[in-house]
Amino acid sequence: MNPAVLSQHMAQRYLRRKITHWIMMGVLALASCLALIPLLSLSVYVLSQGIPGLGINFFTHLPQPIGETGGGMANSILGTLTLVVLASLIGVPWGIGTGLYLSEYPPGRLSTAVRFSADLLASIPSIIIGLFVYTLIVIPMRRFSLLAGGVALGIIMIPTLARSTEELLRRVPIHVREAGLALGLPRWKVILRIVLLGNARAISTGIILSIARVAGETAPLLFTSFNNQYWQRGLDQPSSSLPVQIYTYAISPYEDWHQQAWTGALILVLLVFAMNILTRILLSPRGSS
């Protein structure tokens, strides 16, 4: 073939590939913008509705009785933070441990059963888990409790965290594990110090996603921790939480309660956002050095 014709043919192919590249980049950018529209619109709406109710009283005062205006959700904020901590103490070790087992050990009947159970548990409605914990803990204790709510939310966290951890650790190249074993490290040290700690930043994202899911759960808390208009007095007592308090205020006929429900929703969103940012900062290369 004539070199001039060949050069022209290659130039045309390069031009077509470049045009295709920019077209696909434009399609991806458009899809990203479309995906951001619901998030941004929801965030702006919650901000506009929740900001008018913000004030120091909202963070320091208890809810007022029916017919009285003012008050706040101090007990609900504390209850939600406590529930998230309890759920994390239960869900994070079990979720990460399950993900480690599924990714690091050869497939077999047990791993297949564990993976199937995780998928099945993830598909169960949260209200069913609330009923299960109600039967398991609330009925024997004969009272609603903060502990029961933490257990219910912890169970909900496990399958999400287990599958995300499994998928993340499967992306670690096999030669990284082989290099650790070649240095004479036991397998458990390779798994914990190289595979797990080397992916701590990515796994933290899965932890934040699972926390974000349970932080807004309402249905299981109605059967476990229930609600409380006062400060929590112990793990074996009912406790208020932001989702349940928001639900209670949202279905009420009082305009002042509606405003507090929007402010509570804003605080709940900001709590999850703050946990995400804090985790990113702590696990950043500069923060971990």
C-alpha atoms as a PDB file:
ATOM      1  CA  MET A   1       0.000   0.000   0.000  1.00  0.00           C
ATOM      2  CA  ASN A   2       1.146   3.486  -0.823  1.00  0.00           C
ATOM      3  CA  PRO A   3       2.691   5.087   2.305  1.00  0.00           C
ATOM      4  CA  ALA A   4       0.753   8.298   1.716  1.00  0.00           C
ATOM      5  CA  VAL A   5      -2.548   6.380   1.482  1.00  0.00           C
ATOM      6  CA  LEU A   6      -1.623   4.344   4.586  1.00  0.00           C
ATOM      7  CA  SER A   7      -0.795   7.498   6.525  1.00  0.00           C
ATOM      8  CA  GLN A   8      -4.078   9.088   5.496  1.00  0.00           C
ATOM      9  CA  HIS A   9      -5.996   5.947   6.487  1.00  0.00           C
ATOM     10  CA  MET A  10      -4.335   5.882   9.928  1.00  0.00           C
ATOM     11  CA  ALA A  11      -5.051   9.582  10.430  1.00  0.00           C
ATOM     12  CA  GLN A  12      -8.734   8.970   9.648  1.00  0.00           C
ATOM     13  CA  ARG A  13      -8.883   6.063  12.097  1.00  0.00           C
ATOM     14  CA  TYR A  14      -7.230   8.189  14.802  1.00  0.00           C
ATOM     15  CA  LEU A  15      -9.711  10.994  14.163  1.00  0.00           C
ATOM     16  CA  ARG A  16     -12.685   8.591  14.426  1.00  0.00           C
ATOM     17  CA  ARG A  17     -11.343   7.140  17.673  1.00  0.00           C
ATOM     18  CA  LYS A  18     -10.774  10.620  19.086  1.00  0.00           C
ATOM     19  CA  ILE A  19     -14.292  11.722  18.141  1.00  0.00           C
ATOM     20  CA  THR A  20     -15.738   8.524  19.668  1.00  0.00           C
ATOM     21  CA  HIS A  21     -13.723   9.129  22.829  1.00  0.00           C
ATOM     22  CA  TRP A  22     -15.043  12.659  23.290  1.00  0.00           C
ATOM     23  CA  ILE A  23     -18.610  11.596  22.502  1.00  0.00           C
ATOM     24  CA  MET A  24     -18.473   8.871  25.159  1.00  0.00           C
ATOM     25  CA  MET A  25     -16.878  11.272  27.650  1.00  0.00           C
ATOM     26  CA  GLY A  26     -19.746  13.667  27.011  1.00  0.00           C
ATOM     27  CA  VAL A  27     -22.297  10.879  27.525  1.00  0.00           C
ATOM     28  CA  LEU A  28     -20.640   9.883  30.820  1.00  0.00           C
ATOM     29  CA  ALA A  29     -20.537  13.508  31.989  1.00  0.00           C
ATOM     30  CA  LEU A  30     -24.222  13.906  31.126  1.00  0.00           C
ATOM     31  CA  ALA A  31     -25.084  10.690  32.993  1.00  0.00           C
ATOM     32  CA  SER A  32     -23.131  11.906  36.034  1.00  0.00           C
ATOM     33  CA  CYS A  33     -24.994  15.213  35.998  1.00  0.00           C
ATOM     34  CA  LEU A  34     -28.330  13.412  35.740  1.00  0.00           C
ATOM     35  CA  ALA A  35     -27.379  11.213  38.693  1.00  0.00           C
ATOM     36  CA  LEU A  36     -26.421  14.275  40.753  1.00  0.00           C
ATOM     37  CA  ILE A  37     -29.679  16.108  40.117  1.00  0.00           C
ATOM     38  CA  PRO A  38     -31.777  14.067  42.627  1.00  0.00           C
ATOM     39  CA  LEU A  39     -29.012  14.270  45.253  1.00  0.00           C
ATOM     40  CA  LEU A  40     -28.536  18.007  44.890  1.00  0.00           C
ATOM     41  CA  SER A  41     -32.253  18.758  44.769  1.00  0.00           C
ATOM     42  CA  LEU A  42     -32.882  16.647  47.880  1.00  0.00           C
ATOM     43  CA  SER A  43     -29.969  18.278  49.724  1.00  0.00           C
ATOM     44  CA  VAL A  44     -31.068  21.800  48.816  1.00  0.00           C
ATOM     45  CA  TYR A  45     -34.665  21.091  49.822  1.00  0.00           C
ATOM     46  CA  VAL A  46     -33.692  19.600  53.189  1.00  0.00           C
ATOM     47  CA  LEU A  47     -31.375  22.541  53.831  1.00  0.00           C
ATOM     48  CA  SER A  48     -34.026  25.106  52.979  1.00  0.00           C
ATOM     49  CA  GLN A  49     -36.616  23.393  55.173  1.00  0.00           C
ATOM     50  CA  GLY A  50     -34.330  22.507  58.082  1.00  0.00           C
ATOM     51  CA  ILE A  51     -32.180  25.613  58.559  1.00  0.00           C
ATOM     52  CA  PRO A  52     -35.004  27.829  59.937  1.00  0.00           C
ATOM     53  CA  GLY A  53     -35.383  25.494  62.925  1.00  0.00           C
ATOM     54  CA  LEU A  54     -31.702  25.396  63.834  1.00  0.00           C
ATOM     55  CA  GLY A  55     -30.704  26.931  67.142  1.00  0.00           C
ATOM     56  CA  ILE A  56     -28.922  26.179  70.367  1.00  0.00           C
ATOM     57  CA  ASN A  57     -32.176  24.987  71.947  1.00  0.00           C
ATOM     58  CA  PHE A  58     -32.510  22.257  69.343  1.00  0.00           C
ATOM     59  CA  PHE A  59     -29.254  20.671  70.548  1.00  0.00           C
ATOM     60  CA  THR A  60     -29.695  21.233  74.287  1.00  0.00           C
ATOM     61  CA  HIS A  61     -33.422  20.948  75.080  1.00  0.00           C
ATOM     62  CA  LEU A  62     -35.757  17.980  75.313  1.00  0.00           C
ATOM     63  CA  PRO A  63     -39.004  17.740  73.303  1.00  0.00           C
ATOM     64  CA  GLN A  64     -41.852  19.807  74.666  1.00  0.00           C
ATOM     65  CA  PRO A  65     -45.254  18.316  75.567  1.00  0.00           C
ATOM     66  CA  ILE A  66     -48.198  18.575  73.165  1.00  0.00           C
ATOM     67  CA  GLY A  67     -49.479  22.132  72.933  1.00  0.00           C
ATOM     68  CA  GLU A  68     -46.193  23.810  73.866  1.00  0.00           C
ATOM     69  CA  THR A  69     -43.823  25.258  71.289  1.00  0.00           C
ATOM     70  CA  GLY A  70     -40.040  25.157  71.299  1.00  0.00           C
ATOM     71  CA  GLY A  71     -37.912  22.393  72.673  1.00  0.00           C
ATOM     72  CA  GLY A  72     -35.378  20.339  70.795  1.00  0.00           C
ATOM     73  CA  MET A  73     -34.060  16.867  70.016  1.00  0.00           C
ATOM     74  CA  ALA A  74     -31.035  16.647  72.303  1.00  0.00           C
ATOM     75  CA  ASN A  75     -32.035  13.212  73.596  1.00  0.00           C
ATOM     76  CA  SER A  76     -32.713  11.963  70.055  1.00  0.00           C
ATOM     77  CA  ILE A  77     -29.305  13.081  68.814  1.00  0.00           C
ATOM     78  CA  LEU A  78     -27.581  11.372  71.734  1.00  0.00           C
ATOM     79  CA  GLY A  79     -29.722   8.257  71.235  1.00  0.00           C
ATOM     80  CA  THR A  80     -28.855   8.037  67.531  1.00  0.00           C
ATOM     81  CA  LEU A  81     -25.133   8.409  68.230  1.00  0.00           C
ATOM     82  CA  THR A  82     -25.317   5.699  70.898  1.00  0.00           C
ATOM     83  CA  LEU A  83     -27.270   3.371  68.615  1.00  0.00           C
ATOM     84  CA  VAL A  84     -24.750   3.861  65.807  1.00  0.00           C
ATOM     85  CA  VAL A  85     -21.852   3.069  68.174  1.00  0.00           C
ATOM     86  CA  LEU A  86     -23.569  -0.074  69.471  1.00  0.00           C
ATOM     87  CA  ALA A  87     -24.474  -1.183  65.946  1.00  0.00           C
ATOM     88  CA  SER A  88     -20.887  -0.600  64.779  1.00  0.00           C
ATOM     89  CA  LEU A  89     -19.475  -2.634  67.675  1.00  0.00           C
ATOM     90  CA  ILE A  90     -21.649  -5.535  66.514  1.00  0.00           C
ATOM     91  CA  GLY A  91     -21.806  -5.107  62.754  1.00  0.00           C
ATOM     92  CA  VAL A  92     -18.281  -3.968  61.832  1.00  0.00           C
ATOM     93  CA  PRO A  93     -16.293  -6.930  63.301  1.00  0.00           C
ATOM     94  CA  TRP A  94     -18.777  -9.501  62.006  1.00  0.00           C
ATOM     95  CA  GLY A  95     -19.119  -7.825  58.611  1.00  0.00           C
ATOM     96  CA  ILE A  96     -15.391  -7.406  57.997  1.00  0.00           C
ATOM     97  CA  GLY A  97     -14.643 -10.879  59.390  1.00  0.00           C
ATOM     98  CA  THR A  98     -17.218 -12.429  57.066  1.00  0.00           C
ATOM     99  CA  GLY A  99     -15.831 -10.515  54.085  1.00  0.00           C
ATOM    100  CA  LEU A 100     -12.298 -11.640  54.947  1.00  0.00           C
ATOM    101  CA  TYR A 101     -13.371 -15.270  55.134  1.00  0.00           C
ATOM    102  CA  LEU A 102     -15.218 -15.130  51.811  1.00  0.00           C
ATOM    103  CA  SER A 103     -12.309 -13.465  49.983  1.00  0.00           C
ATOM    104  CA  GLU A 104      -9.265 -15.168  51.514  1.00  0.00           C
ATOM    105  CA  TYR A 105     -10.283 -18.792  51.901  1.00  0.00           C
ATOM    106  CA  PRO A 106     -11.057 -21.274  49.127  1.00  0.00           C
ATOM    107  CA  PRO A 107     -14.672 -21.742  48.076  1.00  0.00           C
ATOM    108  CA  GLY A 108     -16.543 -24.619  49.649  1.00  0.00           C
ATOM    109  CA  ARG A 109     -19.867 -25.562  51.076  1.00  0.00           C
ATOM    110  CA  LEU A 110     -19.423 -23.337  54.124  1.00  0.00           C
ATOM    111  CA  SER A 111     -18.387 -20.266  52.126  1.00  0.00           C
ATOM    112  CA  THR A 112     -21.266 -20.818  49.707  1.00  0.00           C
ATOM    113  CA  ALA A 113     -23.701 -21.034  52.607  1.00  0.00           C
ATOM    114  CA  VAL A 114     -22.225 -17.905  54.221  1.00  0.00           C
ATOM    115  CA  ARG A 115     -22.421 -15.942  50.959  1.00  0.00           C
ATOM    116  CA  PHE A 116     -25.994 -17.084  50.349  1.00  0.00           C
ATOM    117  CA  SER A 117     -26.941 -16.169  53.922  1.00  0.00           C
ATOM    118  CA  ALA A 118     -25.415 -12.695  53.533  1.00  0.00           C
ATOM    119  CA  ASP A 119     -27.321 -12.102  50.309  1.00  0.00           C
ATOM    120  CA  LEU A 120     -30.523 -13.388  51.876  1.00  0.00           C
ATOM    121  CA  LEU A 121     -30.063 -11.241  54.982  1.00  0.00           C
ATOM    122  CA  ALA A 122     -29.460  -8.159  52.833  1.00  0.00           C
ATOM    123  CA  SER A 123     -32.775  -8.716  51.037  1.00  0.00           C
ATOM    124  CA  ILE A 124     -34.862  -9.109  54.211  1.00  0.00           C
ATOM    125  CA  PRO A 125     -36.881  -5.967  55.058  1.00  0.00           C
ATOM    126  CA  SER A 126     -35.522  -4.177  58.090  1.00  0.00           C
ATOM    127  CA  ILE A 127     -38.873  -4.390  59.870  1.00  0.00           C
ATOM    128  CA  ILE A 128     -38.544  -8.196  59.874  1.00  0.00           C
ATOM    129  CA  ILE A 129     -35.171  -7.886  61.588  1.00  0.00           C
ATOM    130  CA  GLY A 130     -36.833  -5.580  64.106  1.00  0.00           C
ATOM    131  CA  LEU A 131     -39.478  -8.223  64.808  1.00  0.00           C
ATOM    132  CA  PHE A 132     -36.766 -10.878  65.178  1.00  0.00           C
ATOM    133  CA  VAL A 133     -34.854  -8.808  67.746  1.00  0.00           C
ATOM    134  CA  TYR A 134     -38.163  -8.007  69.453  1.00  0.00           C
ATOM    135  CA  THR A 135     -38.723 -11.729  69.953  1.00  0.00           C
ATOM    136  CA  LEU A 136     -35.083 -12.410  70.831  1.00  0.00           C
ATOM    137  CA  ILE A 137     -34.394  -9.567  73.288  1.00  0.00           C
ATOM    138  CA  VAL A 138     -37.404  -7.344  74.007  1.00  0.00           C
ATOM    139  CA  ILE A 139     -39.825 -10.081  75.054  1.00  0.00           C
ATOM    140  CA  PRO A 140     -37.354 -11.859  77.419  1.00  0.00           C
ATOM    141  CA  MET A 141     -36.341  -8.480  78.933  1.00  0.00           C
ATOM    142  CA  ARG A 142     -40.003  -7.386  79.045  1.00  0.00           C
ATOM    143  CA  ARG A 143     -39.076  -3.887  77.942  1.00  0.00           C
ATOM    144  CA  PHE A 144     -37.860  -1.943  74.945  1.00  0.00           C
ATOM    145  CA  SER A 145     -34.197  -1.073  75.226  1.00  0.00           C
ATOM    146  CA  LEU A 146     -31.312   0.748  73.637  1.00  0.00           C
ATOM    147  CA  LEU A 147     -29.439  -2.565  73.508  1.00  0.00           C
ATOM    148  CA  ALA A 148     -32.153  -4.186  71.386  1.00  0.00           C
ATOM    149  CA  GLY A 149     -32.042  -1.273  68.934  1.00  0.00           C
ATOM    150  CA  GLY A 150     -28.249  -1.536  68.636  1.00  0.00           C
ATOM    151  CA  VAL A 151     -28.461  -5.279  67.972  1.00  0.00           C
ATOM    152  CA  ALA A 152     -31.100  -4.787  65.266  1.00  0.00           C
ATOM    153  CA  LEU A 153     -29.066  -2.120  63.483  1.00  0.00           C
ATOM    154  CA  GLY A 154     -25.881  -4.191  63.849  1.00  0.00           C
ATOM    155  CA  ILE A 155     -27.540  -7.158  62.135  1.00  0.00           C
ATOM    156  CA  ILE A 156     -28.613  -4.890  59.276  1.00  0.00           C
ATOM    157  CA  MET A 157     -25.010  -3.692  58.859  1.00  0.00           C
ATOM    158  CA  ILE A 158     -23.453  -7.146  58.559  1.00  0.00           C
ATOM    159  CA  PRO A 159     -24.453  -8.233  55.017  1.00  0.00           C
ATOM    160  CA  THR A 160     -23.744  -4.850  53.427  1.00  0.00           C
ATOM    161  CA  LEU A 161     -20.299  -4.642  54.992  1.00  0.00           C
ATOM    162  CA  ALA A 162     -19.500  -8.307  54.350  1.00  0.00           C
ATOM    163  CA  ARG A 163     -20.156  -8.182  50.614  1.00  0.00           C
ATOM    164  CA  SER A 164     -18.443  -4.815  50.122  1.00  0.00           C
ATOM    165  CA  THR A 165     -15.362  -6.062  52.029  1.00  0.00           C
ATOM    166  CA  GLU A 166     -15.288  -9.255  49.981  1.00  0.00           C
ATOM    167  CA  GLU A 167     -15.416  -7.386  46.677  1.00  0.00           C
ATOM    168  CA  LEU A 168     -12.743  -4.910  47.753  1.00  0.00           C
ATOM    169  CA  LEU A 169     -10.300  -7.555  48.989  1.00  0.00           C
ATOM    170  CA  ARG A 170     -10.743  -9.681  45.871  1.00  0.00           C
ATOM    171  CA  ARG A 171      -9.216  -6.809  43.895  1.00  0.00           C
ATOM    172  CA  VAL A 172      -5.913  -7.144  45.743  1.00  0.00           C
ATOM    173  CA  PRO A 173      -3.440  -8.819  43.327  1.00  0.00           C
ATOM    174  CA  ILE A 174      -2.483 -12.360  44.250  1.00  0.00           C
ATOM    175  CA  HIS A 175       1.250 -11.527  44.022  1.00  0.00           C
ATOM    176  CA  VAL A 176       0.863  -9.178  47.006  1.00  0.00           C
ATOM    177  CA  ARG A 177      -0.208 -12.125  49.154  1.00  0.00           C
ATOM    178  CA  GLU A 178       2.490 -14.348  47.658  1.00  0.00           C
ATOM    179  CA  ALA A 179       5.157 -11.749  48.444  1.00  0.00           C
ATOM    180  CA  GLY A 180       4.155 -11.709  52.107  1.00  0.00           C
ATOM    181  CA  LEU A 181       4.147 -15.496  52.303  1.00  0.00           C
ATOM    182  CA  ALA A 182       7.535 -15.622  50.558  1.00  0.00           C
ATOM    183  CA  LEU A 183       8.976 -13.445  53.331  1.00  0.00           C
ATOM    184  CA  GLY A 184       7.969 -16.094  55.846  1.00  0.00           C
ATOM    185  CA  LEU A 185       4.957 -14.312  57.322  1.00  0.00           C
ATOM    186  CA  PRO A 186       2.139 -16.513  58.609  1.00  0.00           C
ATOM    187  CA  ARG A 187      -0.993 -16.390  56.525  1.00  0.00           C
ATOM    188  CA  TRP A 188      -2.993 -14.617  59.214  1.00  0.00           C
ATOM    189  CA  LYS A 189      -0.406 -11.820  59.353  1.00  0.00           C
ATOM    190  CA  VAL A 190      -0.499 -11.471  55.576  1.00  0.00           C
ATOM    191  CA  ILE A 191      -4.288 -11.188  55.704  1.00  0.00           C
ATOM    192  CA  LEU A 192      -4.418  -8.709  58.579  1.00  0.00           C
ATOM    193  CA  ARG A 193      -1.329  -6.549  58.030  1.00  0.00           C
ATOM    194  CA  ILE A 194      -1.053  -6.537  54.235  1.00  0.00           C
ATOM    195  CA  VAL A 195      -4.452  -7.306  52.753  1.00  0.00           C
ATOM    196  CA  LEU A 196      -6.724  -5.736  55.375  1.00  0.00           C
ATOM    197  CA  LEU A 197      -4.664  -2.753  56.574  1.00  0.00           C
ATOM    198  CA  GLY A 198      -3.539  -2.019  53.037  1.00  0.00           C
ATOM    199  CA  ASN A 199      -7.177  -1.532  52.061  1.00  0.00           C
ATOM    200  CA  ALA A 200      -8.334   0.232  55.226  1.00  0.00           C
ATOM    201  CA  ARG A 201      -9.313   3.374  53.315  1.00  0.00           C
ATOM    202  CA  ALA A 202     -11.506   1.446  50.881  1.00  0.00           C
ATOM    203  CA  ILE A 203     -13.057  -0.676  53.633  1.00  0.00           C
ATOM    204  CA  SER A 204     -13.852   2.479  55.603  1.00  0.00           C
ATOM    205  CA  THR A 205     -16.050   3.537  52.709  1.00  0.00           C
ATOM    206  CA  GLY A 206     -18.053   0.336  53.131  1.00  0.00           C
ATOM    207  CA  ILE A 207     -18.315   1.005  56.862  1.00  0.00           C
ATOM    208  CA  ILE A 208     -19.621   4.515  56.223  1.00  0.00           C
ATOM    209  CA  LEU A 209     -22.161   3.193  53.702  1.00  0.00           C
ATOM    210  CA  SER A 210     -23.443   0.620  56.184  1.00  0.00           C
ATOM    211  CA  ILE A 211     -23.625   3.240  58.963  1.00  0.00           C
ATOM    212  CA  ALA A 212     -25.443   5.626  56.644  1.00  0.00           C
ATOM    213  CA  ARG A 213     -27.988   2.922  55.927  1.00  0.00           C
ATOM    214  CA  VAL A 214     -28.756   2.060  59.547  1.00  0.00           C
ATOM    215  CA  ALA A 215     -28.597   5.651  60.828  1.00  0.00           C
ATOM    216  CA  GLY A 216     -31.867   6.433  59.061  1.00  0.00           C
ATOM    217  CA  GLU A 217     -33.716   3.206  59.888  1.00  0.00           C
ATOM    218  CA  THR A 218     -37.043   3.720  61.642  1.00  0.00           C
ATOM    219  CA  ALA A 219     -39.047   0.492  61.386  1.00  0.00           C
ATOM    220  CA  PRO A 220     -36.741  -1.808  63.423  1.00  0.00           C
ATOM    221  CA  LEU A 221     -36.391   0.825  66.156  1.00  0.00           C
ATOM    222  CA  LEU A 222     -40.153   0.938  66.648  1.00  0.00           C
ATOM    223  CA  PHE A 223     -39.945  -2.700  67.823  1.00  0.00           C
ATOM    224  CA  THR A 224     -36.688  -2.459  69.780  1.00  0.00           C
ATOM    225  CA  SER A 225     -35.598   0.860  71.326  1.00  0.00           C
ATOM    226  CA  PHE A 226     -39.039   2.427  70.732  1.00  0.00           C
ATOM    227  CA  ASN A 227     -38.927   6.041  71.962  1.00  0.00           C
ATOM    228  CA  ASN A 228     -38.388   8.162  75.048  1.00  0.00           C
ATOM    229  CA  GLN A 229     -39.172  11.818  75.684  1.00  0.00           C
ATOM    230  CA  TYR A 230     -36.403  12.077  78.274  1.00  0.00           C
ATOM    231  CA  TRP A 231     -32.690  11.346  78.525  1.00  0.00           C
ATOM    232  CA  GLN A 232     -31.657   7.702  78.194  1.00  0.00           C
ATOM    233  CA  ARG A 233     -30.940   6.070  81.539  1.00  0.00           C
ATOM    234  CA  GLY A 234     -29.134   2.916  80.470  1.00  0.00           C
ATOM    235  CA  LEU A 235     -28.742   0.270  77.808  1.00  0.00           C
ATOM    236  CA  ASP A 236     -31.706  -1.647  79.215  1.00  0.00           C
ATOM    237  CA  GLN A 237     -34.107   1.294  78.885  1.00  0.00           C
ATOM    238  CA  PRO A 238     -36.063   2.705  75.906  1.00  0.00           C
ATOM    239  CA  SER A 239     -34.283   5.451  74.023  1.00  0.00           C
ATOM    240  CA  SER A 240     -35.202   8.190  71.608  1.00  0.00           C
ATOM    241  CA  SER A 241     -33.602   8.400  68.174  1.00  0.00           C
ATOM    242  CA  LEU A 242     -33.672  10.885  65.339  1.00  0.00           C
ATOM    243  CA  PRO A 243     -35.492   8.659  62.796  1.00  0.00           C
ATOM    244  CA  VAL A 244     -38.288   7.732  65.220  1.00  0.00           C
ATOM    245  CA  GLN A 245     -38.601  11.310  66.505  1.00  0.00           C
ATOM    246  CA  ILE A 246     -38.702  12.644  62.936  1.00  0.00           C
ATOM    247  CA  TYR A 247     -41.409  10.119  62.075  1.00  0.00           C
ATOM    248  CA  THR A 248     -43.407  11.049  65.182  1.00  0.00           C
ATOM    249  CA  TYR A 249     -43.214  14.761  64.441  1.00  0.00           C
ATOM    250  CA  ALA A 250     -43.842  14.364  60.695  1.00  0.00           C
ATOM    251  CA  ILE A 251     -47.191  12.584  61.155  1.00  0.00           C
ATOM    252  CA  SER A 252     -48.371  15.048  63.808  1.00  0.00           C
ATOM    253  CA  PRO A 253     -50.848  17.862  63.023  1.00  0.00           C
ATOM    254  CA  TYR A 254     -48.633  20.562  64.603  1.00  0.00           C
ATOM    255  CA  GLU A 255     -46.692  22.969  62.384  1.00  0.00           C
ATOM    256  CA  ASP A 256     -43.964  23.476  65.004  1.00  0.00           C
ATOM    257  CA  TRP A 257     -43.334  19.741  65.110  1.00  0.00           C
ATOM    258  CA  HIS A 258     -43.170  19.626  61.314  1.00  0.00           C
ATOM    259  CA  GLN A 259     -40.423  22.252  61.415  1.00  0.00           C
ATOM    260  CA  GLN A 260     -38.484  20.261  63.992  1.00  0.00           C
ATOM    261  CA  ALA A 261     -38.877  17.136  61.867  1.00  0.00           C
ATOM    262  CA  TRP A 262     -37.187  18.903  58.925  1.00  0.00           C
ATOM    263  CA  THR A 263     -34.424  20.178  61.214  1.00  0.00           C
ATOM    264  CA  GLY A 264     -33.931  16.677  62.590  1.00  0.00           C
ATOM    265  CA  ALA A 265     -33.660  15.327  59.034  1.00  0.00           C
ATOM    266  CA  LEU A 266     -31.013  17.952  58.282  1.00  0.00           C
ATOM    267  CA  ILE A 267     -29.028  16.991  61.393  1.00  0.00           C
ATOM    268  CA  LEU A 268     -29.224  13.306  60.441  1.00  0.00           C
ATOM    269  CA  VAL A 269     -27.851  14.039  56.972  1.00  0.00           C
ATOM    270  CA  LEU A 270     -25.096  16.227  58.413  1.00  0.00           C
ATOM    271  CA  LEU A 271     -24.109  13.514  60.931  1.00  0.00           C
ATOM    272  CA  VAL A 272     -23.579  10.968  58.165  1.00  0.00           C
ATOM    273  CA  PHE A 273     -21.716  13.557  56.080  1.00  0.00           C
ATOM    274  CA  ALA A 274     -19.485  14.476  59.031  1.00  0.00           C
ATOM    275  CA  MET A 275     -18.648  10.812  59.720  1.00  0.00           C
ATOM    276  CA  ASN A 276     -17.704  10.372  56.071  1.00  0.00           C
ATOM    277  CA  ILE A 277     -15.413  13.411  56.046  1.00  0.00           C
ATOM    278  CA  LEU A 278     -13.822  12.506  59.401  1.00  0.00           C
ATOM    279  CA  THR A 279     -13.074   8.970  58.251  1.00  0.00           C
ATOM    280  CA  ARG A 280     -11.505  10.245  55.032  1.00  0.00           C
ATOM    281  CA  ILE A 281      -9.276  12.630  56.988  1.00  0.00           C
ATOM    282  CA  LEU A 282      -8.171  10.036  59.542  1.00  0.00           C
ATOM    283  CA  LEU A 283      -7.371   7.432  56.868  1.00  0.00           C
ATOM    284  CA  SER A 284      -5.710   9.813  54.437  1.00  0.00           C
ATOM    285  CA  PRO A 285      -1.999   9.157  53.710  1.00  0.00           C
ATOM    286  CA  ARG A 286      -0.997  12.219  55.757  1.00  0.00           C
ATOM    287  CA  GLY A 287      -3.293  11.257  58.659  1.00  0.00           C
ATOM    288  CA  SER A 288      -2.046   7.685  58.789  1.00  0.00           C
ATOM    289  CA  SER A 289       1.631   8.561  58.677  1.00  0.00           C
END
